[in-house]
C-alpha atoms as a PDB file:
ATOM      1  CA  MET A   1       0.000   0.000   0.000  1.00  0.00           C
ATOM      2  CA  ASP A   2       1.285   3.463  -0.904  1.00  0.00           C
ATOM      3  CA  LYS A   3       2.132   5.806   1.905  1.00  0.00           C
ATOM      4  CA  LEU A   4      -0.130   8.822   2.414  1.00  0.00           C
ATOM      5  CA  LEU A   5       2.542  11.279   1.262  1.00  0.00           C
ATOM      6  CA  GLN A   6       4.435   9.088  -1.198  1.00  0.00           C
ATOM      7  CA  ASN A   7       6.601  11.252  -3.511  1.00  0.00           C
ATOM      8  CA  LYS A   8       5.300  14.489  -1.990  1.00  0.00           C
ATOM      9  CA  VAL A   9       7.638  17.382  -1.187  1.00  0.00           C
ATOM     10  CA  ALA A  10       7.012  19.200   2.088  1.00  0.00           C
ATOM     11  CA  LEU A  11       8.490  22.169   3.916  1.00  0.00           C
ATOM     12  CA  VAL A  12       7.923  22.179   7.682  1.00  0.00           C
ATOM     13  CA  THR A  13       9.076  25.014   9.945  1.00  0.00           C
ATOM     14  CA  GLY A  14      10.146  24.777  13.575  1.00  0.00           C
ATOM     15  CA  CYS A  15      11.461  21.192  13.534  1.00  0.00           C
ATOM     16  CA  ASP A  16      14.025  21.622  16.309  1.00  0.00           C
ATOM     17  CA  GLN A  17      11.737  19.950  18.836  1.00  0.00           C
ATOM     18  CA  GLY A  18       8.190  19.204  19.933  1.00  0.00           C
ATOM     19  CA  ILE A  19       5.330  19.315  17.456  1.00  0.00           C
ATOM     20  CA  GLY A  20       7.526  20.295  14.517  1.00  0.00           C
ATOM     21  CA  ARG A  21       9.850  17.358  14.951  1.00  0.00           C
ATOM     22  CA  SER A  22       6.895  14.987  15.247  1.00  0.00           C
ATOM     23  CA  ILE A  23       5.372  16.353  12.039  1.00  0.00           C
ATOM     24  CA  CYS A  24       8.699  15.982  10.270  1.00  0.00           C
ATOM     25  CA  SER A  25       9.212  12.342  11.268  1.00  0.00           C
ATOM     26  CA  LEU A  26       5.579  11.372  10.570  1.00  0.00           C
ATOM     27  CA  PHE A  27       5.709  12.957   7.114  1.00  0.00           C
ATOM     28  CA  ALA A  28       8.941  11.114   6.339  1.00  0.00           C
ATOM     29  CA  ASP A  29       7.427   7.865   7.625  1.00  0.00           C
ATOM     30  CA  GLN A  30       4.601   8.403   5.126  1.00  0.00           C
ATOM     31  CA  GLY A  31       6.994   8.741   2.195  1.00  0.00           C
ATOM     32  CA  ALA A  32       7.517  12.496   1.859  1.00  0.00           C
ATOM     33  CA  VAL A  33      10.698  14.380   1.101  1.00  0.00           C
ATOM     34  CA  VAL A  34      10.723  16.816   4.016  1.00  0.00           C
ATOM     35  CA  TYR A  35      12.682  20.047   4.091  1.00  0.00           C
ATOM     36  CA  ALA A  36      12.859  20.502   7.848  1.00  0.00           C
ATOM     37  CA  ASN A  37      13.460  24.081   8.921  1.00  0.00           C
ATOM     38  CA  ILE A  38      15.520  24.327  12.089  1.00  0.00           C
ATOM     39  CA  LEU A  39      16.922  27.312  13.942  1.00  0.00           C
ATOM     40  CA  LYS A  40      19.913  25.560  15.512  1.00  0.00           C
ATOM     41  CA  GLU A  41      22.542  23.677  13.540  1.00  0.00           C
ATOM     42  CA  GLN A  42      22.878  21.059  16.295  1.00  0.00           C
ATOM     43  CA  SER A  43      19.273  19.969  15.671  1.00  0.00           C
ATOM     44  CA  SER A  44      20.344  18.618  12.274  1.00  0.00           C
ATOM     45  CA  LYS A  45      22.096  15.569  13.710  1.00  0.00           C
ATOM     46  CA  MET A  46      19.155  14.658  15.955  1.00  0.00           C
ATOM     47  CA  LEU A  47      16.715  14.925  13.052  1.00  0.00           C
ATOM     48  CA  LYS A  48      18.826  12.709  10.830  1.00  0.00           C
ATOM     49  CA  GLU A  49      19.222  10.079  13.556  1.00  0.00           C
ATOM     50  CA  GLN A  50      15.480  10.055  14.207  1.00  0.00           C
ATOM     51  CA  CYS A  51      14.465   9.855  10.543  1.00  0.00           C
ATOM     52  CA  ASP A  52      17.236   7.860   8.815  1.00  0.00           C
ATOM     53  CA  THR A  53      15.289   4.586   8.838  1.00  0.00           C
ATOM     54  CA  LEU A  54      12.028   6.051   7.534  1.00  0.00           C
ATOM     55  CA  ASP A  55      10.668   5.624   4.009  1.00  0.00           C
ATOM     56  CA  GLY A  56      10.928   9.296   3.072  1.00  0.00           C
ATOM     57  CA  LYS A  57      13.827  11.697   3.282  1.00  0.00           C
ATOM     58  CA  VAL A  58      14.562  14.541   5.682  1.00  0.00           C
ATOM     59  CA  ILE A  59      16.687  17.473   4.549  1.00  0.00           C
ATOM     60  CA  PRO A  60      17.478  19.916   7.380  1.00  0.00           C
ATOM     61  CA  VAL A  61      17.529  23.584   6.345  1.00  0.00           C
ATOM     62  CA  VAL A  62      18.854  26.055   8.897  1.00  0.00           C
ATOM     63  CA  PHE A  63      17.284  29.504   8.806  1.00  0.00           C
ATOM     64  CA  ASP A  64      15.251  31.975  10.850  1.00  0.00           C
ATOM     65  CA  ILE A  65      11.755  32.542   9.445  1.00  0.00           C
ATOM     66  CA  THR A  66      12.034  36.223  10.376  1.00  0.00           C
ATOM     67  CA  ASP A  67      14.765  36.531   7.730  1.00  0.00           C
ATOM     68  CA  LYS A  68      12.965  36.782   4.374  1.00  0.00           C
ATOM     69  CA  PRO A  69      16.109  36.414   2.193  1.00  0.00           C
ATOM     70  CA  SER A  70      16.860  33.131   3.994  1.00  0.00           C
ATOM     71  CA  ILE A  71      13.320  31.924   3.288  1.00  0.00           C
ATOM     72  CA  MET A  72      13.754  32.686  -0.414  1.00  0.00           C
ATOM     73  CA  HIS A  73      17.114  30.911  -0.443  1.00  0.00           C
ATOM     74  CA  CYS A  74      15.379  27.793   0.914  1.00  0.00           C
ATOM     75  CA  ILE A  75      12.644  28.063  -1.729  1.00  0.00           C
ATOM     76  CA  LYS A  76      15.304  28.290  -4.457  1.00  0.00           C
ATOM     77  CA  LYS A  77      17.021  25.222  -3.001  1.00  0.00           C
ATOM     78  CA  ILE A  78      13.767  23.245  -3.160  1.00  0.00           C
ATOM     79  CA  LYS A  79      13.113  24.482  -6.698  1.00  0.00           C
ATOM     80  CA  THR A  80      16.536  23.292  -7.847  1.00  0.00           C
ATOM     81  CA  GLU A  81      16.564  19.963  -6.030  1.00  0.00           C
ATOM     82  CA  GLN A  82      12.910  18.978  -6.574  1.00  0.00           C
ATOM     83  CA  GLU A  83      12.418  20.289 -10.124  1.00  0.00           C
ATOM     84  CA  GLY A  84      10.236  23.140  -8.930  1.00  0.00           C
ATOM     85  CA  ARG A  85       7.903  20.959  -6.871  1.00  0.00           C
ATOM     86  CA  LEU A  86       6.517  21.840  -3.451  1.00  0.00           C
ATOM     87  CA  ASP A  87       3.296  20.126  -2.361  1.00  0.00           C
ATOM     88  CA  ILE A  88       2.972  20.920   1.341  1.00  0.00           C
ATOM     89  CA  LEU A  89       3.885  23.793   3.645  1.00  0.00           C
ATOM     90  CA  VAL A  90       3.436  23.495   7.403  1.00  0.00           C
ATOM     91  CA  ASN A  91       3.854  26.750   9.318  1.00  0.00           C
ATOM     92  CA  ASN A  92       4.673  25.384  12.746  1.00  0.00           C
ATOM     93  CA  ALA A  93       7.461  27.666  14.023  1.00  0.00           C
ATOM     94  CA  GLY A  94       6.310  29.995  16.770  1.00  0.00           C
ATOM     95  CA  VAL A  95       7.286  31.671  20.022  1.00  0.00           C
ATOM     96  CA  LYS A  96       5.307  32.331  23.206  1.00  0.00           C
ATOM     97  CA  PHE A  97       5.931  34.804  25.996  1.00  0.00           C
ATOM     98  CA  ASP A  98       3.280  35.061  28.689  1.00  0.00           C
ATOM     99  CA  GLY A  99       2.477  38.132  30.721  1.00  0.00           C
ATOM    100  CA  VAL A 100      -0.402  40.388  31.667  1.00  0.00           C
ATOM    101  CA  ILE A 101      -0.704  43.200  29.166  1.00  0.00           C
ATOM    102  CA  GLU A 102       0.638  46.030  31.337  1.00  0.00           C
ATOM    103  CA  MET A 103       3.782  44.075  32.177  1.00  0.00           C
ATOM    104  CA  ILE A 104       4.870  42.335  28.995  1.00  0.00           C
ATOM    105  CA  ASP A 105       8.116  43.567  27.495  1.00  0.00           C
ATOM    106  CA  ASP A 106       8.061  45.367  24.129  1.00  0.00           C
ATOM    107  CA  ASN A 107      10.872  43.191  22.778  1.00  0.00           C
ATOM    108  CA  LYS A 108       8.777  40.082  23.488  1.00  0.00           C
ATOM    109  CA  ILE A 109       5.773  41.644  21.782  1.00  0.00           C
ATOM    110  CA  GLU A 110       7.850  42.419  18.698  1.00  0.00           C
ATOM    111  CA  LYS A 111       9.321  38.919  18.659  1.00  0.00           C
ATOM    112  CA  MET A 112       5.904  37.229  18.761  1.00  0.00           C
ATOM    113  CA  LEU A 113       4.556  39.478  16.019  1.00  0.00           C
ATOM    114  CA  SER A 114       7.641  38.902  13.879  1.00  0.00           C
ATOM    115  CA  VAL A 115       7.744  35.096  14.189  1.00  0.00           C
ATOM    116  CA  ASN A 116       4.089  34.158  14.626  1.00  0.00           C
ATOM    117  CA  ILE A 117       2.563  36.480  12.025  1.00  0.00           C
ATOM    118  CA  VAL A 118       5.078  38.111   9.682  1.00  0.00           C
ATOM    119  CA  GLY A 119       7.213  34.970   9.421  1.00  0.00           C
ATOM    120  CA  VAL A 120       4.148  32.917   8.472  1.00  0.00           C
ATOM    121  CA  ILE A 121       3.179  35.462   5.814  1.00  0.00           C
ATOM    122  CA  HIS A 122       6.670  35.417   4.325  1.00  0.00           C
ATOM    123  CA  MET A 123       6.758  31.605   4.310  1.00  0.00           C
ATOM    124  CA  VAL A 124       3.496  31.486   2.355  1.00  0.00           C
ATOM    125  CA  GLN A 125       4.710  34.150  -0.079  1.00  0.00           C
ATOM    126  CA  GLY A 126       7.780  32.034  -0.784  1.00  0.00           C
ATOM    127  CA  ALA A 127       5.989  28.694  -1.009  1.00  0.00           C
ATOM    128  CA  LEU A 128       3.408  30.000  -3.464  1.00  0.00           C
ATOM    129  CA  ARG A 129       6.141  30.625  -6.025  1.00  0.00           C
ATOM    130  CA  LEU A 130       6.389  26.873  -6.407  1.00  0.00           C
ATOM    131  CA  MET A 131       3.008  25.615  -5.233  1.00  0.00           C
ATOM    132  CA  LYS A 132       0.991  27.639  -7.739  1.00  0.00           C
ATOM    133  CA  ARG A 133       2.824  25.835 -10.555  1.00  0.00           C
ATOM    134  CA  ASN A 134       1.735  22.410  -9.342  1.00  0.00           C
ATOM    135  CA  PRO A 135      -0.991  20.953 -11.582  1.00  0.00           C
ATOM    136  CA  ASP A 136      -2.317  19.146  -8.481  1.00  0.00           C
ATOM    137  CA  GLY A 137      -2.262  22.257  -6.294  1.00  0.00           C
ATOM    138  CA  GLY A 138      -1.014  21.882  -2.751  1.00  0.00           C
ATOM    139  CA  SER A 139      -1.754  22.077   0.947  1.00  0.00           C
ATOM    140  CA  ILE A 140      -0.816  24.720   3.516  1.00  0.00           C
ATOM    141  CA  ILE A 141      -1.316  23.931   7.194  1.00  0.00           C
ATOM    142  CA  ASN A 142      -0.888  26.685   9.765  1.00  0.00           C
ATOM    143  CA  ILE A 143      -0.400  25.888  13.439  1.00  0.00           C
ATOM    144  CA  SER A 144      -2.558  28.284  15.439  1.00  0.00           C
ATOM    145  CA  SER A 145      -3.492  27.692  19.094  1.00  0.00           C
ATOM    146  CA  ILE A 146      -6.641  27.171  21.097  1.00  0.00           C
ATOM    147  CA  VAL A 147      -5.618  30.398  22.897  1.00  0.00           C
ATOM    148  CA  GLY A 148      -5.906  32.220  19.585  1.00  0.00           C
ATOM    149  CA  LEU A 149      -9.528  31.089  19.293  1.00  0.00           C
ATOM    150  CA  ARG A 150     -10.646  31.318  22.931  1.00  0.00           C
ATOM    151  CA  GLY A 151      -8.251  33.723  24.671  1.00  0.00           C
ATOM    152  CA  ASN A 152      -6.577  33.264  28.050  1.00  0.00           C
ATOM    153  CA  VAL A 153      -5.465  35.384  30.976  1.00  0.00           C
ATOM    154  CA  GLY A 154      -1.843  36.474  30.619  1.00  0.00           C
ATOM    155  CA  GLN A 155      -1.631  35.400  26.977  1.00  0.00           C
ATOM    156  CA  SER A 156      -3.367  38.251  25.168  1.00  0.00           C
ATOM    157  CA  VAL A 157      -0.481  39.080  22.820  1.00  0.00           C
ATOM    158  CA  TYR A 158       0.364  35.453  22.081  1.00  0.00           C
ATOM    159  CA  GLY A 159      -3.337  34.747  21.582  1.00  0.00           C
ATOM    160  CA  ALA A 160      -3.634  37.738  19.245  1.00  0.00           C
ATOM    161  CA  THR A 161      -0.806  36.433  17.066  1.00  0.00           C
ATOM    162  CA  LYS A 162      -2.340  32.970  16.897  1.00  0.00           C
ATOM    163  CA  GLY A 163      -5.763  34.466  16.249  1.00  0.00           C
ATOM    164  CA  ALA A 164      -4.165  36.279  13.330  1.00  0.00           C
ATOM    165  CA  VAL A 165      -2.894  32.929  12.024  1.00  0.00           C
ATOM    166  CA  ALA A 166      -6.451  31.581  12.112  1.00  0.00           C
ATOM    167  CA  SER A 167      -7.715  34.664  10.260  1.00  0.00           C
ATOM    168  CA  LEU A 168      -4.976  34.383   7.624  1.00  0.00           C
ATOM    169  CA  THR A 169      -5.920  30.740   7.160  1.00  0.00           C
ATOM    170  CA  LYS A 170      -9.528  31.627   6.397  1.00  0.00           C
ATOM    171  CA  SER A 171      -8.608  34.374   3.939  1.00  0.00           C
ATOM    172  CA  TRP A 172      -5.924  32.335   2.158  1.00  0.00           C
ATOM    173  CA  ALA A 173      -8.318  29.405   1.758  1.00  0.00           C
ATOM    174  CA  LYS A 174     -10.585  31.697  -0.273  1.00  0.00           C
ATOM    175  CA  GLU A 175      -7.706  33.387  -2.065  1.00  0.00           C
ATOM    176  CA  PHE A 176      -5.957  30.208  -3.273  1.00  0.00           C
ATOM    177  CA  ALA A 177      -8.953  27.938  -3.925  1.00  0.00           C
ATOM    178  CA  GLN A 178      -8.882  28.479  -7.674  1.00  0.00           C
ATOM    179  CA  GLN A 179      -5.310  27.160  -7.751  1.00  0.00           C
ATOM    180  CA  ASN A 180      -6.482  24.031  -5.882  1.00  0.00           C
ATOM    181  CA  ILE A 181      -4.367  24.987  -2.881  1.00  0.00           C
ATOM    182  CA  LYS A 182      -6.063  24.022   0.379  1.00  0.00           C
ATOM    183  CA  VAL A 183      -5.341  26.081   3.477  1.00  0.00           C
ATOM    184  CA  ASN A 184      -6.261  24.771   6.911  1.00  0.00           C
ATOM    185  CA  GLY A 185      -5.226  25.325  10.500  1.00  0.00           C
ATOM    186  CA  VAL A 186      -4.642  23.240  13.593  1.00  0.00           C
ATOM    187  CA  ALA A 187      -5.198  24.741  17.044  1.00  0.00           C
ATOM    188  CA  PRO A 188      -3.438  22.687  19.729  1.00  0.00           C
ATOM    189  CA  GLY A 189      -4.400  22.999  23.365  1.00  0.00           C
ATOM    190  CA  SER A 190      -2.115  21.862  26.187  1.00  0.00           C
ATOM    191  CA  ILE A 191       0.554  19.687  24.595  1.00  0.00           C
ATOM    192  CA  ASP A 192       3.418  17.861  26.306  1.00  0.00           C
ATOM    193  CA  THR A 193       6.242  20.051  25.005  1.00  0.00           C
ATOM    194  CA  ASP A 194       8.873  22.283  26.598  1.00  0.00           C
ATOM    195  CA  MET A 195       6.663  25.315  25.931  1.00  0.00           C
ATOM    196  CA  PHE A 196       3.932  23.972  28.230  1.00  0.00           C
ATOM    197  CA  TYR A 197       6.291  23.581  31.189  1.00  0.00           C
ATOM    198  CA  GLU A 198       7.240  27.262  31.195  1.00  0.00           C
ATOM    199  CA  MET A 199       4.350  27.722  33.655  1.00  0.00           C
ATOM    200  CA  SER A 200       4.506  27.335  37.435  1.00  0.00           C
ATOM    201  CA  PRO A 201       3.766  23.878  38.933  1.00  0.00           C
ATOM    202  CA  ASP A 202       0.432  25.128  40.297  1.00  0.00           C
ATOM    203  CA  LYS A 203      -0.568  26.508  36.896  1.00  0.00           C
ATOM    204  CA  ILE A 204       0.449  23.249  35.218  1.00  0.00           C
ATOM    205  CA  ARG A 205      -1.790  21.220  37.563  1.00  0.00           C
ATOM    206  CA  GLU A 206      -4.649  23.682  37.081  1.00  0.00           C
ATOM    207  CA  SER A 207      -4.281  23.532  33.293  1.00  0.00           C
ATOM    208  CA  ILE A 208      -4.351  19.729  33.176  1.00  0.00           C
ATOM    209  CA  GLU A 209      -7.379  19.596  35.469  1.00  0.00           C
ATOM    210  CA  ALA A 210      -9.285  21.856  33.060  1.00  0.00           C
ATOM    211  CA  ILE A 211      -8.822  19.408  30.171  1.00  0.00           C
ATOM    212  CA  GLY A 212     -11.778  17.113  29.514  1.00  0.00           C
ATOM    213  CA  LEU A 213      -9.531  14.078  29.021  1.00  0.00           C
ATOM    214  CA  LYS A 214      -7.466  15.020  32.115  1.00  0.00           C
ATOM    215  CA  ARG A 215      -4.128  14.656  30.369  1.00  0.00           C
ATOM    216  CA  LEU A 216      -1.767  16.540  28.111  1.00  0.00           C
ATOM    217  CA  GLY A 217      -1.833  15.918  24.399  1.00  0.00           C
ATOM    218  CA  GLN A 218       1.235  14.392  22.779  1.00  0.00           C
ATOM    219  CA  PRO A 219       3.062  16.080  19.875  1.00  0.00           C
ATOM    220  CA  GLU A 220       2.343  12.979  17.774  1.00  0.00           C
ATOM    221  CA  GLU A 221      -1.395  13.511  18.229  1.00  0.00           C
ATOM    222  CA  VAL A 222      -1.125  16.968  16.702  1.00  0.00           C
ATOM    223  CA  ALA A 223       1.122  15.628  13.933  1.00  0.00           C
ATOM    224  CA  LYS A 224      -1.493  13.051  12.924  1.00  0.00           C
ATOM    225  CA  VAL A 225      -4.084  15.773  12.362  1.00  0.00           C
ATOM    226  CA  VAL A 226      -1.567  17.727  10.290  1.00  0.00           C
ATOM    227  CA  LEU A 227      -0.869  14.572   8.260  1.00  0.00           C
ATOM    228  CA  PHE A 228      -4.594  14.158   7.597  1.00  0.00           C
ATOM    229  CA  LEU A 229      -4.832  17.732   6.314  1.00  0.00           C
ATOM    230  CA  ALA A 230      -1.708  17.322   4.167  1.00  0.00           C
ATOM    231  CA  SER A 231      -2.884  14.082   2.578  1.00  0.00           C
ATOM    232  CA  GLY A 232      -5.493  13.190  -0.011  1.00  0.00           C
ATOM    233  CA  MET A 233      -7.840  12.081   2.767  1.00  0.00           C
ATOM    234  CA  SER A 234      -8.813  15.725   3.304  1.00  0.00           C
ATOM    235  CA  GLY A 235      -9.215  16.601  -0.365  1.00  0.00           C
ATOM    236  CA  TYR A 236     -12.501  18.470   0.139  1.00  0.00           C
ATOM    237  CA  ILE A 237     -11.519  20.390   3.272  1.00  0.00           C
ATOM    238  CA  THR A 238     -10.225  23.954   3.210  1.00  0.00           C
ATOM    239  CA  GLY A 239     -10.567  27.000   5.434  1.00  0.00           C
ATOM    240  CA  GLU A 240     -11.016  24.937   8.619  1.00  0.00           C
ATOM    241  CA  ILE A 241      -9.335  25.312  12.008  1.00  0.00           C
ATOM    242  CA  ILE A 242      -9.264  21.968  13.821  1.00  0.00           C
ATOM    243  CA  GLY A 243      -8.876  22.057  17.592  1.00  0.00           C
ATOM    244  CA  VAL A 244      -6.655  19.412  19.188  1.00  0.00           C
ATOM    245  CA  ASP A 245      -7.298  20.172  22.844  1.00  0.00           C
ATOM    246  CA  GLY A 246      -8.566  17.006  24.549  1.00  0.00           C
ATOM    247  CA  GLY A 247     -11.925  18.570  25.349  1.00  0.00           C
ATOM    248  CA  LEU A 248     -10.583  21.745  26.929  1.00  0.00           C
ATOM    249  CA  PHE A 249     -13.415  23.590  25.162  1.00  0.00           C
ATOM    250  CA  MET A 250     -16.603  21.658  24.435  1.00  0.00           C
END
């Protein structure tokens, strides 16, 4: 049986750890050639070790998504190596700094806006140069957050950036439909990654207790939803934001 992403070419951002790394390895397991964006060179070795035995291929690409020339260099690399083909873009890279609005530092605000919104826009601008040429179209999956849809105390700026990602997803789905490019979003809730444990122990316990399933989600559980949206199984779905939150909001 063919793999779900056999012979597909994907670009996934934020693969240094957590959800991004899980998406990268799952895509490769399903036969894709994955250009895995990482911020740190040392992540390259770990990615290769994790994915060497999988059916697909992982090609680490080191760049910061806030650097537009570096994004375009990556797009040119894919164009050259894959004969102009790019089927899937996953905008996973993001940063989070919590703080009540009157206390949060301006540098942190600028960083979240730059990575979580502007970086996503620039990634899509670059990817479209190749994806629009595909006779079969393509798939763009943006990682938002349940906070971006529901809000949360102490996360207003982060939530605003992720709400913007959801809004961009809706608009792009309409904008690119005629090119057969699907655009969908995934909104994770509390996931077992390093980002979750930035909270105090009391806040961690309180957050888990609020989840309907009474446990954290695993990065692999988010990755499986992303795989569904990237594959032919979701061929008639576009403009949707799928929550992966274990019943946090029902």
